[in-house]
PDB file of N, CA and C in Angstrom:
ATOM      1  N   MET A   1     148.255  60.262 -57.608  1.00  0.00           N
ATOM      2  CA  MET A   1     149.676  60.320 -57.356  1.00  0.00           C
ATOM      3  C   MET A   1     150.117  59.002 -56.749  1.00  0.00           C
ATOM      4  N   ILE A   2     151.387  58.706 -56.929  1.00  0.00           N
ATOM      5  CA  ILE A   2     151.975  57.489 -56.395  1.00  0.00           C
ATOM      6  C   ILE A   2     153.155  57.882 -55.514  1.00  0.00           C
ATOM      7  N   PHE A   3     153.201  57.324 -54.310  1.00  0.00           N
ATOM      8  CA  PHE A   3     154.370  57.487 -53.454  1.00  0.00           C
ATOM      9  C   PHE A   3     155.243  56.255 -53.634  1.00  0.00           C
ATOM     10  N   LEU A   4     156.478  56.456 -54.022  1.00  0.00           N
ATOM     11  CA  LEU A   4     157.415  55.366 -54.248  1.00  0.00           C
ATOM     12  C   LEU A   4     158.370  55.290 -53.066  1.00  0.00           C
ATOM     13  N   SER A   5     158.132  54.329 -52.178  1.00  0.00           N
ATOM     14  CA  SER A   5     158.983  54.158 -51.003  1.00  0.00           C
ATOM     15  C   SER A   5     160.268  53.458 -51.407  1.00  0.00           C
ATOM     16  N   LEU A   6     161.374  54.144 -51.251  1.00  0.00           N
ATOM     17  CA  LEU A   6     162.663  53.606 -51.644  1.00  0.00           C
ATOM     18  C   LEU A   6     163.314  52.760 -50.552  1.00  0.00           C
ATOM     19  N   LYS A   7     162.707  52.769 -49.353  1.00  0.00           N
ATOM     20  CA  LYS A   7     163.216  51.985 -48.217  1.00  0.00           C
ATOM     21  C   LYS A   7     164.712  52.236 -48.044  1.00  0.00           C
ATOM     22  N   THR A   8     165.487  51.184 -47.774  1.00  0.00           N
ATOM     23  CA  THR A   8     166.941  51.325 -47.635  1.00  0.00           C
ATOM     24  C   THR A   8     167.669  50.328 -48.530  1.00  0.00           C
ATOM     25  N   TYR A   9     167.040  49.965 -49.634  1.00  0.00           N
ATOM     26  CA  TYR A   9     167.653  49.026 -50.564  1.00  0.00           C
ATOM     27  C   TYR A   9     168.898  49.622 -51.215  1.00  0.00           C
ATOM     28  N   LYS A  10     169.911  48.787 -51.436  1.00  0.00           N
ATOM     29  CA  LYS A  10     171.123  49.241 -52.128  1.00  0.00           C
ATOM     30  C   LYS A  10     170.793  49.791 -53.510  1.00  0.00           C
ATOM     31  N   GLU A  11     169.801  49.171 -54.162  1.00  0.00           N
ATOM     32  CA  GLU A  11     169.417  49.572 -55.519  1.00  0.00           C
ATOM     33  C   GLU A  11     168.710  50.924 -55.552  1.00  0.00           C
ATOM     34  N   ALA A  12     168.403  51.471 -54.376  1.00  0.00           N
ATOM     35  CA  ALA A  12     167.719  52.760 -54.288  1.00  0.00           C
ATOM     36  C   ALA A  12     168.482  53.720 -53.384  1.00  0.00           C
ATOM     37  N   THR A  13     169.801  53.608 -53.415  1.00  0.00           N
ATOM     38  CA  THR A  13     170.662  54.412 -52.553  1.00  0.00           C
ATOM     39  C   THR A  13     171.821  54.977 -53.372  1.00  0.00           C
ATOM     40  N   GLY A  14     172.197  56.199 -53.063  1.00  0.00           N
ATOM     41  CA  GLY A  14     173.375  56.796 -53.693  1.00  0.00           C
ATOM     42  C   GLY A  14     173.217  56.970 -55.192  1.00  0.00           C
ATOM     43  N   ASP A  15     174.253  56.598 -55.948  1.00  0.00           N
ATOM     44  CA  ASP A  15     174.223  56.743 -57.407  1.00  0.00           C
ATOM     45  C   ASP A  15     173.086  55.935 -58.020  1.00  0.00           C
ATOM     46  N   ALA A  16     172.798  54.776 -57.430  1.00  0.00           N
ATOM     47  CA  ALA A  16     171.748  53.901 -57.969  1.00  0.00           C
ATOM     48  C   ALA A  16     170.376  54.567 -57.925  1.00  0.00           C
ATOM     49  N   VAL A  17     170.128  55.396 -56.919  1.00  0.00           N
ATOM     50  CA  VAL A  17     168.812  56.033 -56.814  1.00  0.00           C
ATOM     51  C   VAL A  17     168.603  57.025 -57.952  1.00  0.00           C
ATOM     52  N   ILE A  18     169.659  57.662 -58.394  1.00  0.00           N
ATOM     53  CA  ILE A  18     169.535  58.612 -59.503  1.00  0.00           C
ATOM     54  C   ILE A  18     169.170  57.867 -60.786  1.00  0.00           C
ATOM     55  N   LYS A  19     169.823  56.762 -61.033  1.00  0.00           N
ATOM     56  CA  LYS A  19     169.521  55.963 -62.217  1.00  0.00           C
ATOM     57  C   LYS A  19     168.070  55.481 -62.170  1.00  0.00           C
ATOM     58  N   LEU A  20     167.659  54.945 -61.034  1.00  0.00           N
ATOM     59  CA  LEU A  20     166.287  54.456 -60.868  1.00  0.00           C
ATOM     60  C   LEU A  20     165.270  55.575 -61.069  1.00  0.00           C
ATOM     61  N   LEU A  21     165.485  56.685 -60.391  1.00  0.00           N
ATOM     62  CA  LEU A  21     164.508  57.777 -60.447  1.00  0.00           C
ATOM     63  C   LEU A  21     164.516  58.525 -61.775  1.00  0.00           C
ATOM     64  N   SER A  22     165.583  58.429 -62.539  1.00  0.00           N
ATOM     65  CA  SER A  22     165.568  59.006 -63.895  1.00  0.00           C
ATOM     66  C   SER A  22     164.492  58.309 -64.725  1.00  0.00           C
ATOM     67  N   SER A  23     164.413  56.993 -64.594  1.00  0.00           N
ATOM     68  CA  SER A  23     163.373  56.233 -65.296  1.00  0.00           C
ATOM     69  C   SER A  23     161.993  56.554 -64.741  1.00  0.00           C
ATOM     70  N   VAL A  24     161.904  56.651 -63.428  1.00  0.00           N
ATOM     71  CA  VAL A  24     160.627  56.967 -62.787  1.00  0.00           C
ATOM     72  C   VAL A  24     160.138  58.346 -63.221  1.00  0.00           C
ATOM     73  N   LYS A  25     161.050  59.309 -63.297  1.00  0.00           N
ATOM     74  CA  LYS A  25     160.688  60.663 -63.734  1.00  0.00           C
ATOM     75  C   LYS A  25     160.128  60.633 -65.150  1.00  0.00           C
ATOM     76  N   GLN A  26     160.745  59.859 -66.025  1.00  0.00           N
ATOM     77  CA  GLN A  26     160.279  59.752 -67.406  1.00  0.00           C
ATOM     78  C   GLN A  26     158.882  59.139 -67.457  1.00  0.00           C
ATOM     79  N   VAL A  27     158.643  58.079 -66.687  1.00  0.00           N
ATOM     80  CA  VAL A  27     157.319  57.444 -66.641  1.00  0.00           C
ATOM     81  C   VAL A  27     156.285  58.438 -66.125  1.00  0.00           C
ATOM     82  N   SER A  28     156.640  59.194 -65.102  1.00  0.00           N
ATOM     83  CA  SER A  28     155.732  60.182 -64.532  1.00  0.00           C
ATOM     84  C   SER A  28     155.365  61.247 -65.569  1.00  0.00           C
ATOM     85  N   GLN A  29     156.363  61.730 -66.294  1.00  0.00           N
ATOM     86  CA  GLN A  29     156.117  62.751 -67.310  1.00  0.00           C
ATOM     87  C   GLN A  29     155.262  62.209 -68.453  1.00  0.00           C
ATOM     88  N   GLU A  30     155.555  61.004 -68.894  1.00  0.00           N
ATOM     89  CA  GLU A  30     154.805  60.417 -70.011  1.00  0.00           C
ATOM     90  C   GLU A  30     153.370  60.069 -69.628  1.00  0.00           C
ATOM     91  N   SER A  31     153.158  59.641 -68.393  1.00  0.00           N
ATOM     92  CA  SER A  31     151.820  59.217 -67.965  1.00  0.00           C
ATOM     93  C   SER A  31     150.989  60.369 -67.408  1.00  0.00           C
ATOM     94  N   GLY A  32     151.665  61.433 -66.973  1.00  0.00           N
ATOM     95  CA  GLY A  32     150.965  62.547 -66.338  1.00  0.00           C
ATOM     96  C   GLY A  32     150.597  62.261 -64.892  1.00  0.00           C
ATOM     97  N   ILE A  33     151.097  61.166 -64.354  1.00  0.00           N
ATOM     98  CA  ILE A  33     150.813  60.790 -62.964  1.00  0.00           C
ATOM     99  C   ILE A  33     152.017  61.162 -62.104  1.00  0.00           C
ATOM    100  N   PRO A  34     151.807  62.020 -61.105  1.00  0.00           N
ATOM    101  CA  PRO A  34     152.923  62.362 -60.219  1.00  0.00           C
ATOM    102  C   PRO A  34     153.406  61.120 -59.455  1.00  0.00           C
ATOM    103  N   ILE A  35     154.707  60.854 -59.520  1.00  0.00           N
ATOM    104  CA  ILE A  35     155.318  59.776 -58.751  1.00  0.00           C
ATOM    105  C   ILE A  35     156.338  60.434 -57.829  1.00  0.00           C
ATOM    106  N   ILE A  36     156.072  60.357 -56.534  1.00  0.00           N
ATOM    107  CA  ILE A  36     156.891  61.059 -55.550  1.00  0.00           C
ATOM    108  C   ILE A  36     157.768  60.061 -54.807  1.00  0.00           C
ATOM    109  N   PRO A  37     159.088  60.155 -54.972  1.00  0.00           N
ATOM    110  CA  PRO A  37     159.958  59.266 -54.222  1.00  0.00           C
ATOM    111  C   PRO A  37     159.985  59.650 -52.743  1.00  0.00           C
ATOM    112  N   VAL A  38     159.968  58.630 -51.909  1.00  0.00           N
ATOM    113  CA  VAL A  38     160.101  58.818 -50.464  1.00  0.00           C
ATOM    114  C   VAL A  38     161.459  58.220 -50.108  1.00  0.00           C
ATOM    115  N   ALA A  39     162.424  59.101 -49.885  1.00  0.00           N
ATOM    116  CA  ALA A  39     163.828  58.711 -49.849  1.00  0.00           C
ATOM    117  C   ALA A  39     164.435  58.750 -48.452  1.00  0.00           C
ATOM    118  N   GLN A  40     165.576  58.088 -48.367  1.00  0.00           N
ATOM    119  CA  GLN A  40     166.387  58.192 -47.164  1.00  0.00           C
ATOM    120  C   GLN A  40     166.903  59.630 -47.059  1.00  0.00           C
ATOM    121  N   PRO A  41     167.076  60.128 -45.859  1.00  0.00           N
ATOM    122  CA  PRO A  41     167.515  61.519 -45.713  1.00  0.00           C
ATOM    123  C   PRO A  41     168.866  61.788 -46.383  1.00  0.00           C
ATOM    124  N   THR A  42     169.720  60.773 -46.462  1.00  0.00           N
ATOM    125  CA  THR A  42     171.039  60.948 -47.069  1.00  0.00           C
ATOM    126  C   THR A  42     170.972  61.131 -48.571  1.00  0.00           C
ATOM    127  N   ASP A  43     169.851  60.799 -49.188  1.00  0.00           N
ATOM    128  CA  ASP A  43     169.717  60.917 -50.642  1.00  0.00           C
ATOM    129  C   ASP A  43     168.827  62.074 -51.080  1.00  0.00           C
ATOM    130  N   ILE A  44     168.131  62.725 -50.184  1.00  0.00           N
ATOM    131  CA  ILE A  44     167.167  63.764 -50.554  1.00  0.00           C
ATOM    132  C   ILE A  44     167.834  64.901 -51.332  1.00  0.00           C
ATOM    133  N   TYR A  45     168.928  65.417 -50.814  1.00  0.00           N
ATOM    134  CA  TYR A  45     169.596  66.543 -51.479  1.00  0.00           C
ATOM    135  C   TYR A  45     170.051  66.157 -52.885  1.00  0.00           C
ATOM    136  N   ARG A  46     170.657  64.991 -53.005  1.00  0.00           N
ATOM    137  CA  ARG A  46     171.148  64.510 -54.302  1.00  0.00           C
ATOM    138  C   ARG A  46     170.006  64.382 -55.297  1.00  0.00           C
ATOM    139  N   ILE A  47     168.905  63.783 -54.870  1.00  0.00           N
ATOM    140  CA  ILE A  47     167.745  63.591 -55.752  1.00  0.00           C
ATOM    141  C   ILE A  47     167.225  64.940 -56.219  1.00  0.00           C
ATOM    142  N   LYS A  48     167.043  65.848 -55.279  1.00  0.00           N
ATOM    143  CA  LYS A  48     166.508  67.166 -55.623  1.00  0.00           C
ATOM    144  C   LYS A  48     167.447  67.912 -56.574  1.00  0.00           C
ATOM    145  N   LYS A  49     168.737  67.856 -56.295  1.00  0.00           N
ATOM    146  CA  LYS A  49     169.720  68.586 -57.100  1.00  0.00           C
ATOM    147  C   LYS A  49     169.875  67.990 -58.499  1.00  0.00           C
ATOM    148  N   GLU A  50     169.966  66.673 -58.583  1.00  0.00           N
ATOM    149  CA  GLU A  50     170.266  66.052 -59.869  1.00  0.00           C
ATOM    150  C   GLU A  50     169.043  65.818 -60.747  1.00  0.00           C
ATOM    151  N   LEU A  51     167.881  65.631 -60.136  1.00  0.00           N
ATOM    152  CA  LEU A  51     166.686  65.320 -60.926  1.00  0.00           C
ATOM    153  C   LEU A  51     165.601  66.381 -60.849  1.00  0.00           C
ATOM    154  N   ASP A  52     165.688  67.262 -59.865  1.00  0.00           N
ATOM    155  CA  ASP A  52     164.683  68.300 -59.652  1.00  0.00           C
ATOM    156  C   ASP A  52     163.257  67.739 -59.685  1.00  0.00           C
ATOM    157  N   VAL A  53     163.018  66.737 -58.844  1.00  0.00           N
ATOM    158  CA  VAL A  53     161.681  66.175 -58.672  1.00  0.00           C
ATOM    159  C   VAL A  53     161.253  66.396 -57.230  1.00  0.00           C
ATOM    160  N   GLU A  54     159.953  66.365 -57.004  1.00  0.00           N
ATOM    161  CA  GLU A  54     159.467  66.437 -55.632  1.00  0.00           C
ATOM    162  C   GLU A  54     159.926  65.181 -54.900  1.00  0.00           C
ATOM    163  N   VAL A  55     160.423  65.345 -53.697  1.00  0.00           N
ATOM    164  CA  VAL A  55     160.909  64.216 -52.905  1.00  0.00           C
ATOM    165  C   VAL A  55     160.484  64.399 -51.453  1.00  0.00           C
ATOM    166  N   TRP A  56     160.071  63.306 -50.849  1.00  0.00           N
ATOM    167  CA  TRP A  56     159.635  63.314 -49.455  1.00  0.00           C
ATOM    168  C   TRP A  56     160.598  62.513 -48.598  1.00  0.00           C
ATOM    169  N   ALA A  57     160.562  62.777 -47.292  1.00  0.00           N
ATOM    170  CA  ALA A  57     161.371  62.050 -46.318  1.00  0.00           C
ATOM    171  C   ALA A  57     160.577  60.866 -45.755  1.00  0.00           C
ATOM    172  N   GLN A  58     161.306  59.833 -45.365  1.00  0.00           N
ATOM    173  CA  GLN A  58     160.682  58.634 -44.816  1.00  0.00           C
ATOM    174  C   GLN A  58     160.257  58.815 -43.364  1.00  0.00           C
ATOM    175  N   HIS A  59     160.832  59.792 -42.686  1.00  0.00           N
ATOM    176  CA  HIS A  59     160.550  60.018 -41.261  1.00  0.00           C
ATOM    177  C   HIS A  59     161.166  61.353 -40.869  1.00  0.00           C
ATOM    178  N   MET A  60     160.700  61.909 -39.785  1.00  0.00           N
ATOM    179  CA  MET A  60     161.380  63.046 -39.157  1.00  0.00           C
ATOM    180  C   MET A  60     161.026  63.044 -37.688  1.00  0.00           C
ATOM    181  N   ASP A  61     161.831  63.741 -36.922  1.00  0.00           N
ATOM    182  CA  ASP A  61     161.588  63.862 -35.488  1.00  0.00           C
ATOM    183  C   ASP A  61     161.080  65.268 -35.190  1.00  0.00           C
ATOM    184  N   PRO A  62     160.274  65.409 -34.141  1.00  0.00           N
ATOM    185  CA  PRO A  62     159.684  66.721 -33.831  1.00  0.00           C
ATOM    186  C   PRO A  62     160.645  67.613 -33.049  1.00  0.00           C
ATOM    187  N   ILE A  63     161.705  68.041 -33.725  1.00  0.00           N
ATOM    188  CA  ILE A  63     162.729  68.851 -33.061  1.00  0.00           C
ATOM    189  C   ILE A  63     163.000  70.104 -33.877  1.00  0.00           C
ATOM    190  N   ASP A  64     163.653  71.040 -33.232  1.00  0.00           N
ATOM    191  CA  ASP A  64     164.167  72.230 -33.898  1.00  0.00           C
ATOM    192  C   ASP A  64     165.674  72.101 -33.973  1.00  0.00           C
ATOM    193  N   PRO A  65     166.315  72.916 -34.794  1.00  0.00           N
ATOM    194  CA  PRO A  65     167.775  72.853 -34.868  1.00  0.00           C
ATOM    195  C   PRO A  65     168.398  73.039 -33.478  1.00  0.00           C
ATOM    196  N   GLY A  66     169.445  72.304 -33.242  1.00  0.00           N
ATOM    197  CA  GLY A  66     170.124  72.387 -31.943  1.00  0.00           C
ATOM    198  C   GLY A  66     170.895  71.117 -31.666  1.00  0.00           C
ATOM    199  N   LYS A  67     171.079  70.839 -30.395  1.00  0.00           N
ATOM    200  CA  LYS A  67     171.879  69.670 -30.020  1.00  0.00           C
ATOM    201  C   LYS A  67     170.992  68.424 -29.940  1.00  0.00           C
ATOM    202  N   ASN A  68     170.796  67.814 -31.075  1.00  0.00           N
ATOM    203  CA  ASN A  68     169.933  66.631 -31.195  1.00  0.00           C
ATOM    204  C   ASN A  68     170.627  65.571 -32.049  1.00  0.00           C
ATOM    205  N   MET A  69     171.815  65.154 -31.661  1.00  0.00           N
ATOM    206  CA  MET A  69     172.591  64.219 -32.478  1.00  0.00           C
ATOM    207  C   MET A  69     171.815  62.928 -32.740  1.00  0.00           C
ATOM    208  N   GLY A  70     171.789  62.540 -34.018  1.00  0.00           N
ATOM    209  CA  GLY A  70     171.142  61.297 -34.396  1.00  0.00           C
ATOM    210  C   GLY A  70     169.669  61.424 -34.728  1.00  0.00           C
ATOM    211  N   TRP A  71     169.111  62.632 -34.623  1.00  0.00           N
ATOM    212  CA  TRP A  71     167.703  62.861 -34.912  1.00  0.00           C
ATOM    213  C   TRP A  71     167.572  63.484 -36.303  1.00  0.00           C
ATOM    214  N   LEU A  72     166.383  63.409 -36.879  1.00  0.00           N
ATOM    215  CA  LEU A  72     166.123  64.022 -38.188  1.00  0.00           C
ATOM    216  C   LEU A  72     165.261  65.254 -38.002  1.00  0.00           C
ATOM    217  N   SER A  73     165.841  66.401 -38.227  1.00  0.00           N
ATOM    218  CA  SER A  73     165.097  67.638 -37.999  1.00  0.00           C
ATOM    219  C   SER A  73     164.314  68.056 -39.238  1.00  0.00           C
ATOM    220  N   PRO A  74     163.105  68.586 -39.041  1.00  0.00           N
ATOM    221  CA  PRO A  74     162.341  69.095 -40.169  1.00  0.00           C
ATOM    222  C   PRO A  74     163.083  70.215 -40.893  1.00  0.00           C
ATOM    223  N   TYR A  75     163.833  70.996 -40.165  1.00  0.00           N
ATOM    224  CA  TYR A  75     164.602  72.076 -40.786  1.00  0.00           C
ATOM    225  C   TYR A  75     165.612  71.514 -41.786  1.00  0.00           C
ATOM    226  N   SER A  76     166.365  70.494 -41.373  1.00  0.00           N
ATOM    227  CA  SER A  76     167.390  69.948 -42.267  1.00  0.00           C
ATOM    228  C   SER A  76     166.771  69.227 -43.457  1.00  0.00           C
ATOM    229  N   LEU A  77     165.643  68.563 -43.253  1.00  0.00           N
ATOM    230  CA  LEU A  77     164.958  67.898 -44.364  1.00  0.00           C
ATOM    231  C   LEU A  77     164.467  68.922 -45.384  1.00  0.00           C
ATOM    232  N   LYS A  78     163.896  70.000 -44.876  1.00  0.00           N
ATOM    233  CA  LYS A  78     163.413  71.076 -45.754  1.00  0.00           C
ATOM    234  C   LYS A  78     164.581  71.706 -46.516  1.00  0.00           C
ATOM    235  N   GLU A  79     165.684  71.957 -45.830  1.00  0.00           N
ATOM    236  CA  GLU A  79     166.863  72.541 -46.465  1.00  0.00           C
ATOM    237  C   GLU A  79     167.454  71.609 -47.521  1.00  0.00           C
ATOM    238  N   ALA A  80     167.318  70.306 -47.311  1.00  0.00           N
ATOM    239  CA  ALA A  80     167.835  69.333 -48.277  1.00  0.00           C
ATOM    240  C   ALA A  80     166.968  69.260 -49.519  1.00  0.00           C
ATOM    241  N   GLY A  81     165.724  69.766 -49.428  1.00  0.00           N
ATOM    242  CA  GLY A  81     164.843  69.776 -50.585  1.00  0.00           C
ATOM    243  C   GLY A  81     163.575  68.960 -50.432  1.00  0.00           C
ATOM    244  N   ALA A  82     163.386  68.333 -49.278  1.00  0.00           N
ATOM    245  CA  ALA A  82     162.151  67.580 -49.049  1.00  0.00           C
ATOM    246  C   ALA A  82     160.961  68.534 -48.993  1.00  0.00           C
ATOM    247  N   THR A  83     159.845  68.085 -49.561  1.00  0.00           N
ATOM    248  CA  THR A  83     158.620  68.892 -49.498  1.00  0.00           C
ATOM    249  C   THR A  83     157.556  68.212 -48.652  1.00  0.00           C
ATOM    250  N   GLY A  84     157.851  67.002 -48.180  1.00  0.00           N
ATOM    251  CA  GLY A  84     156.886  66.282 -47.373  1.00  0.00           C
ATOM    252  C   GLY A  84     157.553  65.180 -46.584  1.00  0.00           C
ATOM    253  N   VAL A  85     156.731  64.525 -45.747  1.00  0.00           N
ATOM    254  CA  VAL A  85     157.235  63.472 -44.867  1.00  0.00           C
ATOM    255  C   VAL A  85     156.134  62.442 -44.613  1.00  0.00           C
ATOM    256  N   ILE A  86     156.541  61.189 -44.517  1.00  0.00           N
ATOM    257  CA  ILE A  86     155.638  60.118 -44.112  1.00  0.00           C
ATOM    258  C   ILE A  86     155.717  60.032 -42.592  1.00  0.00           C
ATOM    259  N   ILE A  87     154.566  59.970 -41.944  1.00  0.00           N
ATOM    260  CA  ILE A  87     154.524  59.928 -40.484  1.00  0.00           C
ATOM    261  C   ILE A  87     153.843  58.640 -40.030  1.00  0.00           C
ATOM    262  N   ASN A  88     154.490  57.933 -39.117  1.00  0.00           N
ATOM    263  CA  ASN A  88     153.940  56.738 -38.480  1.00  0.00           C
ATOM    264  C   ASN A  88     153.760  55.580 -39.466  1.00  0.00           C
ATOM    265  N   HIS A  89     154.747  55.365 -40.311  1.00  0.00           N
ATOM    266  CA  HIS A  89     154.723  54.223 -41.231  1.00  0.00           C
ATOM    267  C   HIS A  89     154.793  52.931 -40.413  1.00  0.00           C
ATOM    268  N   SER A  90     154.234  51.877 -40.941  1.00  0.00           N
ATOM    269  CA  SER A  90     154.212  50.598 -40.221  1.00  0.00           C
ATOM    270  C   SER A  90     155.619  50.081 -39.912  1.00  0.00           C
ATOM    271  N   GLU A  91     156.613  50.530 -40.664  1.00  0.00           N
ATOM    272  CA  GLU A  91     157.989  50.122 -40.408  1.00  0.00           C
ATOM    273  C   GLU A  91     158.747  51.109 -39.521  1.00  0.00           C
ATOM    274  N   HIS A  92     158.089  52.203 -39.145  1.00  0.00           N
ATOM    275  CA  HIS A  92     158.678  53.186 -38.230  1.00  0.00           C
ATOM    276  C   HIS A  92     157.548  53.804 -37.407  1.00  0.00           C
ATOM    277  N   LYS A  93     156.973  52.965 -36.552  1.00  0.00           N
ATOM    278  CA  LYS A  93     155.795  53.385 -35.790  1.00  0.00           C
ATOM    279  C   LYS A  93     156.152  54.366 -34.680  1.00  0.00           C
ATOM    280  N   THR A  94     155.223  55.282 -34.454  1.00  0.00           N
ATOM    281  CA  THR A  94     155.321  56.219 -33.342  1.00  0.00           C
ATOM    282  C   THR A  94     153.975  56.235 -32.629  1.00  0.00           C
ATOM    283  N   ASN A  95     153.999  56.598 -31.359  1.00  0.00           N
ATOM    284  CA  ASN A  95     152.731  56.626 -30.607  1.00  0.00           C
ATOM    285  C   ASN A  95     151.927  57.877 -30.958  1.00  0.00           C
ATOM    286  N   ASP A  96     150.686  57.906 -30.524  1.00  0.00           N
ATOM    287  CA  ASP A  96     149.781  59.006 -30.886  1.00  0.00           C
ATOM    288  C   ASP A  96     150.309  60.371 -30.459  1.00  0.00           C
ATOM    289  N   GLU A  97     150.909  60.441 -29.286  1.00  0.00           N
ATOM    290  CA  GLU A  97     151.447  61.711 -28.802  1.00  0.00           C
ATOM    291  C   GLU A  97     152.581  62.202 -29.701  1.00  0.00           C
ATOM    292  N   GLU A  98     153.435  61.273 -30.112  1.00  0.00           N
ATOM    293  CA  GLU A  98     154.552  61.625 -30.995  1.00  0.00           C
ATOM    294  C   GLU A  98     154.044  62.033 -32.375  1.00  0.00           C
ATOM    295  N   VAL A  99     153.023  61.339 -32.882  1.00  0.00           N
ATOM    296  CA  VAL A  99     152.427  61.699 -34.170  1.00  0.00           C
ATOM    297  C   VAL A  99     151.955  63.140 -34.139  1.00  0.00           C
ATOM    298  N   LYS A 100     151.289  63.532 -33.076  1.00  0.00           N
ATOM    299  CA  LYS A 100     150.789  64.910 -32.936  1.00  0.00           C
ATOM    300  C   LYS A 100     151.952  65.913 -32.980  1.00  0.00           C
ATOM    301  N   LYS A 101     153.026  65.599 -32.253  1.00  0.00           N
ATOM    302  CA  LYS A 101     154.186  66.503 -32.233  1.00  0.00           C
ATOM    303  C   LYS A 101     154.826  66.607 -33.621  1.00  0.00           C
ATOM    304  N   ILE A 102     154.947  65.474 -34.320  1.00  0.00           N
ATOM    305  CA  ILE A 102     155.538  65.487 -35.653  1.00  0.00           C
ATOM    306  C   ILE A 102     154.654  66.271 -36.620  1.00  0.00           C
ATOM    307  N   LEU A 103     153.339  66.068 -36.526  1.00  0.00           N
ATOM    308  CA  LEU A 103     152.416  66.829 -37.382  1.00  0.00           C
ATOM    309  C   LEU A 103     152.557  68.329 -37.155  1.00  0.00           C
ATOM    310  N   ASP A 104     152.639  68.718 -35.885  1.00  0.00           N
ATOM    311  CA  ASP A 104     152.800  70.139 -35.563  1.00  0.00           C
ATOM    312  C   ASP A 104     154.076  70.701 -36.187  1.00  0.00           C
ATOM    313  N   LYS A 105     155.177  69.943 -36.112  1.00  0.00           N
ATOM    314  CA  LYS A 105     156.445  70.399 -36.699  1.00  0.00           C
ATOM    315  C   LYS A 105     156.366  70.412 -38.225  1.00  0.00           C
ATOM    316  N   ALA A 106     155.699  69.423 -38.805  1.00  0.00           N
ATOM    317  CA  ALA A 106     155.541  69.406 -40.262  1.00  0.00           C
ATOM    318  C   ALA A 106     154.802  70.660 -40.722  1.00  0.00           C
ATOM    319  N   ARG A 107     153.777  71.030 -40.022  1.00  0.00           N
ATOM    320  CA  ARG A 107     153.025  72.253 -40.366  1.00  0.00           C
ATOM    321  C   ARG A 107     153.904  73.488 -40.184  1.00  0.00           C
ATOM    322  N   GLU A 108     154.622  73.521 -39.072  1.00  0.00           N
ATOM    323  CA  GLU A 108     155.490  74.671 -38.782  1.00  0.00           C
ATOM    324  C   GLU A 108     156.518  74.873 -39.894  1.00  0.00           C
ATOM    325  N   TYR A 109     157.058  73.782 -40.413  1.00  0.00           N
ATOM    326  CA  TYR A 109     158.076  73.860 -41.463  1.00  0.00           C
ATOM    327  C   TYR A 109     157.497  73.701 -42.867  1.00  0.00           C
ATOM    328  N   GLN A 110     156.189  73.765 -42.949  1.00  0.00           N
ATOM    329  CA  GLN A 110     155.461  73.701 -44.244  1.00  0.00           C
ATOM    330  C   GLN A 110     155.847  72.469 -45.049  1.00  0.00           C
ATOM    331  N   LEU A 111     155.864  71.323 -44.380  1.00  0.00           N
ATOM    332  CA  LEU A 111     156.099  70.038 -45.033  1.00  0.00           C
ATOM    333  C   LEU A 111     154.767  69.303 -45.176  1.00  0.00           C
ATOM    334  N   LYS A 112     154.454  68.895 -46.370  1.00  0.00           N
ATOM    335  CA  LYS A 112     153.253  68.081 -46.584  1.00  0.00           C
ATOM    336  C   LYS A 112     153.442  66.772 -45.832  1.00  0.00           C
ATOM    337  N   ASN A 113     152.337  66.057 -45.607  1.00  0.00           N
ATOM    338  CA  ASN A 113     152.503  64.814 -44.862  1.00  0.00           C
ATOM    339  C   ASN A 113     151.406  63.815 -45.168  1.00  0.00           C
ATOM    340  N   VAL A 114     151.742  62.570 -44.935  1.00  0.00           N
ATOM    341  CA  VAL A 114     150.792  61.451 -44.962  1.00  0.00           C
ATOM    342  C   VAL A 114     151.014  60.717 -43.653  1.00  0.00           C
ATOM    343  N   VAL A 115     149.927  60.492 -42.937  1.00  0.00           N
ATOM    344  CA  VAL A 115     150.005  59.772 -41.666  1.00  0.00           C
ATOM    345  C   VAL A 115     149.492  58.368 -41.887  1.00  0.00           C
TER     346      VAL A 115
END
């Protein structure tokens, strides 16, 4: 399998991400190799709805629904259609204690993960 990190490039955001991933979906189907986009949280719902492909989140915070303005909850990512999350990427590092908390929440919300 291939994880395709979409980062925050303009060419991989909004309407552009659908165009890009339409081609990626075709390559994945033709090759038989799963290609999983790792998207910004703002694009996860759109990707899932318009392309119906597996999509992962670039990050999440170890929180439950509630008053956590500005945080990314595993609940909202799951509801948007994410099936997994990248944890402790070199561009979004977290300490060991935080990694453990995020892993626990990923398991609780049945989100696959790569650390």
